[in-house]
Amino acid sequence: EFYQYQLEEAKTLAADGQRMLFDLVEHTETPVIAAINGFALGGGLELAMSCHLRIASTNAKMGLPEVSLGVIPGYGGTQRLAQLTGKGRALELIMTAGMIDAAEAHRIGLVNHVTSLEELLPKCVEIAQKCTKNSSMAIASAIRAVNAGYSTGVNGYETEINEFAKSFTTEDFKEGTQAFLEKRKANFPSK
């Protein structure tokens, strides 16, 4: 059915998909961790790339094979892959419709960690638990600041300055600095 789409229908499909799912995930202010096991191809990889972190099992295979169908990745894949791996690697993977394994994905920066299948979910939980020990307010600010650097027309450095300054006015900052001075773990109010 997609092959019958006209220009505006295809444009709407890509825009709606990006806005309603992929951008929503990327801009969620709570960390989203993708656990990749098996094949993450096309839209599956595009969804994983919209997550803040990606953990892959050793049997994971990833790629954007869309050009083999006469189309390009339409849900931010061309942009996110280049942001994560660099322009040359992204173009090679896209233009060849190639598929890479987890080790190569890790080597080029597409995934953060590679584990055995048995350790995949425990590793995701471990990282999530480390995040929960920190200020959720500060994590949300960090996500906004990092994402700003990839937004057209937005000065990421300026966003960082503003987010940094705002953090000084929070109860989390007061608790974090007090806990540091008292050599104890912080109990952040924003949790």
C-alpha atoms as a PDB file:
ATOM      1  CA  GLU A   1       0.000   0.000   0.000  1.00  0.00           C
ATOM      2  CA  PHE A   2       2.875   2.442   0.744  1.00  0.00           C
ATOM      3  CA  TYR A   3       4.103   2.238  -2.843  1.00  0.00           C
ATOM      4  CA  GLN A   4       0.881   3.978  -3.917  1.00  0.00           C
ATOM      5  CA  TYR A   5       1.496   7.022  -1.700  1.00  0.00           C
ATOM      6  CA  GLN A   6       1.796  10.399  -3.388  1.00  0.00           C
ATOM      7  CA  LEU A   7       4.383  12.992  -2.325  1.00  0.00           C
ATOM      8  CA  GLU A   8       2.278  14.696   0.342  1.00  0.00           C
ATOM      9  CA  GLU A   9       1.053  11.385   1.794  1.00  0.00           C
ATOM     10  CA  ALA A  10       4.627  10.125   2.127  1.00  0.00           C
ATOM     11  CA  LYS A  11       5.726  13.407   3.675  1.00  0.00           C
ATOM     12  CA  THR A  12       2.887  13.229   6.207  1.00  0.00           C
ATOM     13  CA  LEU A  13       3.754   9.606   7.013  1.00  0.00           C
ATOM     14  CA  ALA A  14       7.371  10.525   7.803  1.00  0.00           C
ATOM     15  CA  ALA A  15       6.493  13.708   9.710  1.00  0.00           C
ATOM     16  CA  ASP A  16       3.803  12.044  11.816  1.00  0.00           C
ATOM     17  CA  GLY A  17       6.016   9.057  12.597  1.00  0.00           C
ATOM     18  CA  GLN A  18       8.906  11.254  13.633  1.00  0.00           C
ATOM     19  CA  ARG A  19       6.769  13.549  15.762  1.00  0.00           C
ATOM     20  CA  MET A  20       4.431  11.015  17.383  1.00  0.00           C
ATOM     21  CA  LEU A  21       6.997   8.358  18.271  1.00  0.00           C
ATOM     22  CA  PHE A  22      10.658   8.882  17.467  1.00  0.00           C
ATOM     23  CA  ASP A  23      10.988  12.531  18.537  1.00  0.00           C
ATOM     24  CA  LEU A  24       8.741  11.857  21.531  1.00  0.00           C
ATOM     25  CA  VAL A  25      11.097   9.119  22.737  1.00  0.00           C
ATOM     26  CA  GLU A  26      14.207  11.209  22.070  1.00  0.00           C
ATOM     27  CA  HIS A  27      12.843  14.215  23.969  1.00  0.00           C
ATOM     28  CA  THR A  28      11.398  12.257  26.892  1.00  0.00           C
ATOM     29  CA  GLU A  29      13.082  13.643  29.983  1.00  0.00           C
ATOM     30  CA  THR A  30      13.314  10.266  31.678  1.00  0.00           C
ATOM     31  CA  PRO A  31      16.118   8.056  30.342  1.00  0.00           C
ATOM     32  CA  VAL A  32      14.925   5.549  27.729  1.00  0.00           C
ATOM     33  CA  ILE A  33      17.175   2.516  27.242  1.00  0.00           C
ATOM     34  CA  ALA A  34      16.849   0.280  24.181  1.00  0.00           C
ATOM     35  CA  ALA A  35      17.594  -3.420  24.727  1.00  0.00           C
ATOM     36  CA  ILE A  36      18.507  -4.740  21.273  1.00  0.00           C
ATOM     37  CA  ASN A  37      18.343  -8.492  20.713  1.00  0.00           C
ATOM     38  CA  GLY A  38      18.176 -10.081  17.286  1.00  0.00           C
ATOM     39  CA  PHE A  39      17.417  -7.897  14.283  1.00  0.00           C
ATOM     40  CA  ALA A  40      16.974  -4.112  14.534  1.00  0.00           C
ATOM     41  CA  LEU A  41      16.487  -3.105  10.926  1.00  0.00           C
ATOM     42  CA  GLY A  42      14.867  -0.052   9.370  1.00  0.00           C
ATOM     43  CA  GLY A  43      12.281   1.433  11.700  1.00  0.00           C
ATOM     44  CA  GLY A  44      13.416  -0.866  14.516  1.00  0.00           C
ATOM     45  CA  LEU A  45      16.888   0.633  14.438  1.00  0.00           C
ATOM     46  CA  GLU A  46      15.445   4.117  14.016  1.00  0.00           C
ATOM     47  CA  LEU A  47      13.431   3.586  17.204  1.00  0.00           C
ATOM     48  CA  ALA A  48      16.500   2.289  19.062  1.00  0.00           C
ATOM     49  CA  MET A  49      18.504   5.315  17.899  1.00  0.00           C
ATOM     50  CA  SER A  50      15.860   7.655  19.296  1.00  0.00           C
ATOM     51  CA  CYS A  51      16.450   6.150  22.755  1.00  0.00           C
ATOM     52  CA  HIS A  52      18.984   7.798  25.038  1.00  0.00           C
ATOM     53  CA  LEU A  53      21.070   4.639  25.439  1.00  0.00           C
ATOM     54  CA  ARG A  54      21.337   1.424  23.453  1.00  0.00           C
ATOM     55  CA  ILE A  55      22.463  -1.922  24.864  1.00  0.00           C
ATOM     56  CA  ALA A  56      22.835  -4.852  22.455  1.00  0.00           C
ATOM     57  CA  SER A  57      23.187  -8.582  22.931  1.00  0.00           C
ATOM     58  CA  THR A  58      26.008 -10.318  21.093  1.00  0.00           C
ATOM     59  CA  ASN A  59      23.532 -11.768  18.590  1.00  0.00           C
ATOM     60  CA  ALA A  60      22.061  -8.380  17.596  1.00  0.00           C
ATOM     61  CA  LYS A  61      22.211  -7.293  13.961  1.00  0.00           C
ATOM     62  CA  MET A  62      21.487  -3.716  12.922  1.00  0.00           C
ATOM     63  CA  GLY A  63      21.028  -1.831   9.694  1.00  0.00           C
ATOM     64  CA  LEU A  64      19.015   0.587   7.605  1.00  0.00           C
ATOM     65  CA  PRO A  65      18.192  -1.385   4.438  1.00  0.00           C
ATOM     66  CA  GLU A  66      15.675   1.109   3.049  1.00  0.00           C
ATOM     67  CA  VAL A  67      17.716   2.021  -0.075  1.00  0.00           C
ATOM     68  CA  SER A  68      17.359  -1.601  -1.192  1.00  0.00           C
ATOM     69  CA  LEU A  69      13.620  -0.824  -1.409  1.00  0.00           C
ATOM     70  CA  GLY A  70      14.145   2.420  -3.317  1.00  0.00           C
ATOM     71  CA  VAL A  71      13.495   4.688  -0.334  1.00  0.00           C
ATOM     72  CA  ILE A  72      15.558   6.214   2.478  1.00  0.00           C
ATOM     73  CA  PRO A  73      15.104   5.947   6.256  1.00  0.00           C
ATOM     74  CA  GLY A  74      12.182   8.258   6.977  1.00  0.00           C
ATOM     75  CA  TYR A  75      11.919   8.468  10.745  1.00  0.00           C
ATOM     76  CA  GLY A  76      15.091  10.373  11.549  1.00  0.00           C
ATOM     77  CA  GLY A  77      17.443   7.517  10.704  1.00  0.00           C
ATOM     78  CA  THR A  78      19.678   9.530   8.382  1.00  0.00           C
ATOM     79  CA  GLN A  79      20.134  12.199  11.031  1.00  0.00           C
ATOM     80  CA  ARG A  80      20.465  10.095  14.173  1.00  0.00           C
ATOM     81  CA  LEU A  81      22.836   7.571  12.589  1.00  0.00           C
ATOM     82  CA  ALA A  82      25.148  10.385  11.445  1.00  0.00           C
ATOM     83  CA  GLN A  83      24.960  12.018  14.882  1.00  0.00           C
ATOM     84  CA  LEU A  84      25.874   8.760  16.612  1.00  0.00           C
ATOM     85  CA  THR A  85      28.487   7.366  14.237  1.00  0.00           C
ATOM     86  CA  GLY A  86      29.681  10.227  12.029  1.00  0.00           C
ATOM     87  CA  LYS A  87      28.786  11.183   8.478  1.00  0.00           C
ATOM     88  CA  GLY A  88      31.016   8.717   6.613  1.00  0.00           C
ATOM     89  CA  ARG A  89      29.985   5.657   8.606  1.00  0.00           C
ATOM     90  CA  ALA A  90      26.326   6.623   8.392  1.00  0.00           C
ATOM     91  CA  LEU A  91      26.471   7.106   4.644  1.00  0.00           C
ATOM     92  CA  GLU A  92      28.258   3.796   4.120  1.00  0.00           C
ATOM     93  CA  LEU A  93      25.759   1.867   6.229  1.00  0.00           C
ATOM     94  CA  ILE A  94      22.796   3.559   4.538  1.00  0.00           C
ATOM     95  CA  MET A  95      24.088   3.504   0.935  1.00  0.00           C
ATOM     96  CA  THR A  96      25.137  -0.155   1.078  1.00  0.00           C
ATOM     97  CA  ALA A  97      21.969  -1.216   2.943  1.00  0.00           C
ATOM     98  CA  GLY A  98      24.489  -3.040   5.092  1.00  0.00           C
ATOM     99  CA  MET A  99      23.929  -4.881   8.307  1.00  0.00           C
ATOM    100  CA  ILE A 100      26.401  -4.854  11.198  1.00  0.00           C
ATOM    101  CA  ASP A 101      26.767  -6.986  14.290  1.00  0.00           C
ATOM    102  CA  ALA A 102      26.763  -5.759  17.879  1.00  0.00           C
ATOM    103  CA  ALA A 103      30.556  -5.601  18.158  1.00  0.00           C
ATOM    104  CA  GLU A 104      30.814  -3.325  15.115  1.00  0.00           C
ATOM    105  CA  ALA A 105      27.876  -1.238  16.337  1.00  0.00           C
ATOM    106  CA  HIS A 106      29.733  -0.726  19.613  1.00  0.00           C
ATOM    107  CA  ARG A 107      33.002   0.070  17.862  1.00  0.00           C
ATOM    108  CA  ILE A 108      31.404   2.843  15.789  1.00  0.00           C
ATOM    109  CA  GLY A 109      29.389   4.298  18.674  1.00  0.00           C
ATOM    110  CA  LEU A 110      25.950   3.095  17.668  1.00  0.00           C
ATOM    111  CA  VAL A 111      25.459   1.151  20.908  1.00  0.00           C
ATOM    112  CA  ASN A 112      26.765   1.895  24.386  1.00  0.00           C
ATOM    113  CA  HIS A 113      27.356  -1.670  25.574  1.00  0.00           C
ATOM    114  CA  VAL A 114      27.327  -5.242  24.254  1.00  0.00           C
ATOM    115  CA  THR A 115      26.427  -8.135  26.534  1.00  0.00           C
ATOM    116  CA  SER A 116      25.435 -11.753  26.320  1.00  0.00           C
ATOM    117  CA  LEU A 117      21.733 -12.388  25.796  1.00  0.00           C
ATOM    118  CA  GLU A 118      21.441 -13.477  29.428  1.00  0.00           C
ATOM    119  CA  GLU A 119      22.972 -10.217  30.648  1.00  0.00           C
ATOM    120  CA  LEU A 120      21.078  -7.878  28.294  1.00  0.00           C
ATOM    121  CA  LEU A 121      18.153  -6.953  30.539  1.00  0.00           C
ATOM    122  CA  PRO A 122      20.200  -7.048  33.765  1.00  0.00           C
ATOM    123  CA  LYS A 123      22.650  -4.571  32.168  1.00  0.00           C
ATOM    124  CA  CYS A 124      19.768  -2.283  31.202  1.00  0.00           C
ATOM    125  CA  VAL A 125      18.390  -2.481  34.742  1.00  0.00           C
ATOM    126  CA  GLU A 126      21.847  -1.811  36.201  1.00  0.00           C
ATOM    127  CA  ILE A 127      22.224   1.365  34.150  1.00  0.00           C
ATOM    128  CA  ALA A 128      18.663   2.464  34.930  1.00  0.00           C
ATOM    129  CA  GLN A 129      19.310   1.962  38.653  1.00  0.00           C
ATOM    130  CA  LYS A 130      22.471   4.073  38.431  1.00  0.00           C
ATOM    131  CA  CYS A 131      20.405   6.821  36.817  1.00  0.00           C
ATOM    132  CA  THR A 132      17.757   6.665  39.550  1.00  0.00           C
ATOM    133  CA  LYS A 133      20.397   7.442  42.186  1.00  0.00           C
ATOM    134  CA  ASN A 134      20.859  10.861  40.605  1.00  0.00           C
ATOM    135  CA  SER A 135      18.679  13.932  40.372  1.00  0.00           C
ATOM    136  CA  SER A 136      15.847  13.321  37.907  1.00  0.00           C
ATOM    137  CA  MET A 137      15.638  17.075  37.483  1.00  0.00           C
ATOM    138  CA  ALA A 138      19.310  17.301  36.521  1.00  0.00           C
ATOM    139  CA  ILE A 139      18.983  14.311  34.186  1.00  0.00           C
ATOM    140  CA  ALA A 140      16.053  15.989  32.413  1.00  0.00           C
ATOM    141  CA  SER A 141      18.130  19.174  32.090  1.00  0.00           C
ATOM    142  CA  ALA A 142      21.065  17.212  30.684  1.00  0.00           C
ATOM    143  CA  ILE A 143      18.809  15.528  28.110  1.00  0.00           C
ATOM    144  CA  ARG A 144      17.440  18.926  27.034  1.00  0.00           C
ATOM    145  CA  ALA A 145      20.953  20.387  26.781  1.00  0.00           C
ATOM    146  CA  VAL A 146      22.386  17.484  24.775  1.00  0.00           C
ATOM    147  CA  ASN A 147      19.375  17.385  22.439  1.00  0.00           C
ATOM    148  CA  ALA A 148      19.634  21.151  21.889  1.00  0.00           C
ATOM    149  CA  GLY A 149      23.036  20.690  20.293  1.00  0.00           C
ATOM    150  CA  TYR A 150      21.379  18.641  17.556  1.00  0.00           C
ATOM    151  CA  SER A 151      18.464  21.005  16.941  1.00  0.00           C
ATOM    152  CA  THR A 152      18.558  23.337  13.961  1.00  0.00           C
ATOM    153  CA  GLY A 153      18.726  26.977  14.943  1.00  0.00           C
ATOM    154  CA  VAL A 154      19.357  26.232  18.620  1.00  0.00           C
ATOM    155  CA  ASN A 155      22.602  27.093  20.368  1.00  0.00           C
ATOM    156  CA  GLY A 156      23.314  24.009  22.476  1.00  0.00           C
ATOM    157  CA  TYR A 157      25.884  25.878  24.546  1.00  0.00           C
ATOM    158  CA  GLU A 158      23.320  28.538  25.411  1.00  0.00           C
ATOM    159  CA  THR A 159      20.827  25.845  26.407  1.00  0.00           C
ATOM    160  CA  GLU A 160      23.491  24.254  28.611  1.00  0.00           C
ATOM    161  CA  ILE A 161      24.235  27.595  30.299  1.00  0.00           C
ATOM    162  CA  ASN A 162      20.528  28.150  30.988  1.00  0.00           C
ATOM    163  CA  GLU A 163      19.941  24.608  32.278  1.00  0.00           C
ATOM    164  CA  PHE A 164      23.059  24.845  34.456  1.00  0.00           C
ATOM    165  CA  ALA A 165      21.896  28.164  35.926  1.00  0.00           C
ATOM    166  CA  LYS A 166      18.364  26.860  36.554  1.00  0.00           C
ATOM    167  CA  SER A 167      19.768  23.901  38.486  1.00  0.00           C
ATOM    168  CA  PHE A 168      21.202  26.281  41.088  1.00  0.00           C
ATOM    169  CA  THR A 169      17.664  27.264  42.086  1.00  0.00           C
ATOM    170  CA  THR A 170      16.466  23.711  42.768  1.00  0.00           C
ATOM    171  CA  GLU A 171      16.060  21.732  45.952  1.00  0.00           C
ATOM    172  CA  ASP A 172      17.968  18.926  44.249  1.00  0.00           C
ATOM    173  CA  PHE A 173      21.059  21.128  43.958  1.00  0.00           C
ATOM    174  CA  LYS A 174      20.802  22.127  47.616  1.00  0.00           C
ATOM    175  CA  GLU A 175      20.447  18.494  48.669  1.00  0.00           C
ATOM    176  CA  GLY A 176      23.220  17.309  46.346  1.00  0.00           C
ATOM    177  CA  THR A 177      25.765  19.837  47.564  1.00  0.00           C
ATOM    178  CA  GLN A 178      24.785  19.341  51.210  1.00  0.00           C
ATOM    179  CA  ALA A 179      25.116  15.568  50.865  1.00  0.00           C
ATOM    180  CA  PHE A 180      28.526  16.007  49.226  1.00  0.00           C
ATOM    181  CA  LEU A 181      29.735  18.218  52.090  1.00  0.00           C
ATOM    182  CA  GLU A 182      28.367  15.757  54.659  1.00  0.00           C
ATOM    183  CA  LYS A 183      29.913  12.799  52.775  1.00  0.00           C
ATOM    184  CA  ARG A 184      26.588  10.992  52.414  1.00  0.00           C
ATOM    185  CA  LYS A 185      24.382   9.866  49.546  1.00  0.00           C
ATOM    186  CA  ALA A 186      21.967  12.493  48.328  1.00  0.00           C
ATOM    187  CA  ASN A 187      18.243  12.001  48.771  1.00  0.00           C
ATOM    188  CA  PHE A 188      16.968  14.096  45.888  1.00  0.00           C
ATOM    189  CA  PRO A 189      13.466  15.558  46.318  1.00  0.00           C
ATOM    190  CA  SER A 190      12.713  15.203  42.585  1.00  0.00           C
ATOM    191  CA  LYS A 191      12.787  11.394  42.708  1.00  0.00           C
END
